[in-house]
Amino acid sequence: MEVIFKKITRRKYEICSEWGNRISIPDWSQSQSKTGIIDVNGHQSIIPRKGDLLSIPMQKTEAIIAEFIEVNRCVDPMDMFFAKIKLIDYEKNLTITACGQKEGV
């Protein structure tokens, strides 16, 4: 899904655990850090880029939207990456319109 956010076209990813299509947060306790920056890793056929968005489902609240702020692609395997994300806001506070434009930020 392509998303327009701050007038920059970005892809939106979701936490998933399928083989070959995975994005995970190895240590969620990092979210308690003062910076709000969290390490993630995964395998995707289309590697996230800096500025892309990640939807993180929560058990007791709405999903949280985070932004990829650093992405390091691996050479072997080519579909693997390590990244840093920064939490933005709850998804319910951000509106994604039908045409893919994100409002509310």
Protein backbone atom coordinates (compact mmCIF):
# COMPACT_ATOMS: atom_id res chain seq x y z
CA MET A 1 0.00 0.00 0.00
CA GLU A 2 1.49 3.34 -1.04
CA VAL A 3 0.96 6.15 1.46
CA ILE A 4 1.47 9.89 1.02
CA PHE A 5 2.87 11.31 4.26
CA LYS A 6 4.37 14.80 4.56
CA LYS A 7 4.21 14.96 0.74
CA ILE A 8 6.61 12.02 0.37
CA THR A 9 5.42 8.73 -1.13
CA ARG A 10 6.04 5.95 1.36
CA ARG A 11 5.18 2.28 1.59
CA LYS A 12 3.32 1.00 4.63
CA TYR A 13 4.42 -2.34 6.13
CA GLU A 14 2.92 -4.43 8.90
CA ILE A 15 4.46 -6.69 11.52
CA CYS A 16 4.23 -10.21 10.07
CA SER A 17 5.78 -13.61 10.63
CA GLU A 18 5.36 -15.50 7.35
CA TRP A 19 8.43 -17.23 5.99
CA GLY A 20 10.20 -14.86 3.58
CA ASN A 21 7.80 -12.03 4.49
CA ARG A 22 8.72 -11.17 8.06
CA ILE A 23 9.25 -8.00 10.07
CA SER A 24 9.85 -8.43 13.77
CA ILE A 25 10.88 -6.48 16.84
CA PRO A 26 13.40 -8.66 18.71
CA ASP A 27 13.32 -6.63 21.95
CA TRP A 28 10.08 -4.70 22.46
CA SER A 29 11.34 -3.43 25.83
CA GLN A 30 13.41 -0.93 23.84
CA SER A 31 10.17 0.97 23.29
CA GLN A 32 10.51 2.15 26.87
CA SER A 33 13.70 4.03 25.99
CA LYS A 34 13.73 7.82 26.13
CA THR A 35 14.41 8.11 22.40
CA GLY A 36 11.52 5.92 21.23
CA ILE A 37 13.86 4.32 18.67
CA ILE A 38 13.48 0.56 18.29
CA ASP A 39 15.53 -2.04 16.39
CA VAL A 40 13.66 -4.26 13.92
CA ASN A 41 14.73 -6.86 11.40
CA GLY A 42 13.13 -8.89 8.69
CA HIS A 43 12.96 -10.51 5.29
CA GLN A 44 10.96 -8.75 2.56
CA SER A 45 11.01 -8.99 -1.22
CA ILE A 46 10.73 -5.18 -1.22
CA ILE A 47 13.06 -3.85 1.48
CA PRO A 48 11.68 -0.87 3.43
CA ARG A 49 13.29 2.51 2.76
CA LYS A 50 14.05 5.31 5.15
CA GLY A 51 10.75 7.15 5.64
CA ASP A 52 8.51 4.13 5.04
CA LEU A 53 5.90 3.36 7.69
CA LEU A 54 5.34 0.32 9.90
CA SER A 55 1.99 -0.56 11.52
CA ILE A 56 2.53 -2.34 14.85
CA PRO A 57 -0.55 -4.14 16.25
CA MET A 58 -0.98 -3.87 20.01
CA GLN A 59 -2.91 -6.26 22.26
CA LYS A 60 -4.69 -3.72 24.45
CA THR A 61 -4.73 -0.59 22.27
CA GLU A 62 -4.93 0.48 18.66
CA ALA A 63 -2.02 -0.16 16.30
CA ILE A 64 0.97 2.16 16.51
CA ILE A 65 2.54 3.71 13.41
CA ALA A 66 6.32 3.95 13.29
CA GLU A 67 8.69 5.40 10.69
CA PHE A 68 11.78 3.64 9.36
CA ILE A 69 14.64 6.05 10.17
CA GLU A 70 17.54 3.79 9.19
CA VAL A 71 17.59 0.68 7.00
CA ASN A 72 20.60 -1.58 6.42
CA ARG A 73 20.16 -4.17 3.70
CA CYS A 74 22.09 -7.45 3.90
CA VAL A 75 24.02 -8.90 0.98
CA ASP A 76 23.39 -12.55 1.88
CA PRO A 77 20.52 -13.20 1.97
CA MET A 78 19.49 -10.26 -0.22
CA ASP A 79 15.97 -10.03 1.20
CA MET A 80 17.15 -9.54 4.80
CA PHE A 81 17.48 -6.17 6.54
CA PHE A 82 18.12 -4.56 9.91
CA ALA A 83 16.48 -1.23 10.68
CA LYS A 84 15.63 1.35 13.29
CA ILE A 85 12.13 2.76 13.65
CA LYS A 86 10.77 5.73 15.56
CA LEU A 87 7.28 5.62 17.01
CA ILE A 88 4.98 8.31 15.57
CA ASP A 89 1.46 7.92 16.97
CA TYR A 90 -1.49 5.57 17.33
CA GLU A 91 -2.98 4.67 13.96
CA LYS A 92 -6.40 5.88 15.15
CA ASN A 93 -4.96 9.41 15.47
CA LEU A 94 -3.75 9.36 11.85
CA THR A 95 -6.19 9.23 8.97
CA ILE A 96 -5.34 7.29 5.81
CA THR A 97 -7.71 8.45 3.08
CA ALA A 98 -9.01 6.21 0.32
CA CYS A 99 -6.57 7.71 -2.20
CA GLY A 100 -3.64 6.79 0.05
CA GLN A 101 -2.95 10.24 1.49
CA LYS A 102 -2.18 10.37 5.19
CA GLU A 103 -3.60 13.30 7.12
CA GLY A 104 -3.45 14.35 10.75
CA VAL A 105 0.29 14.82 11.13
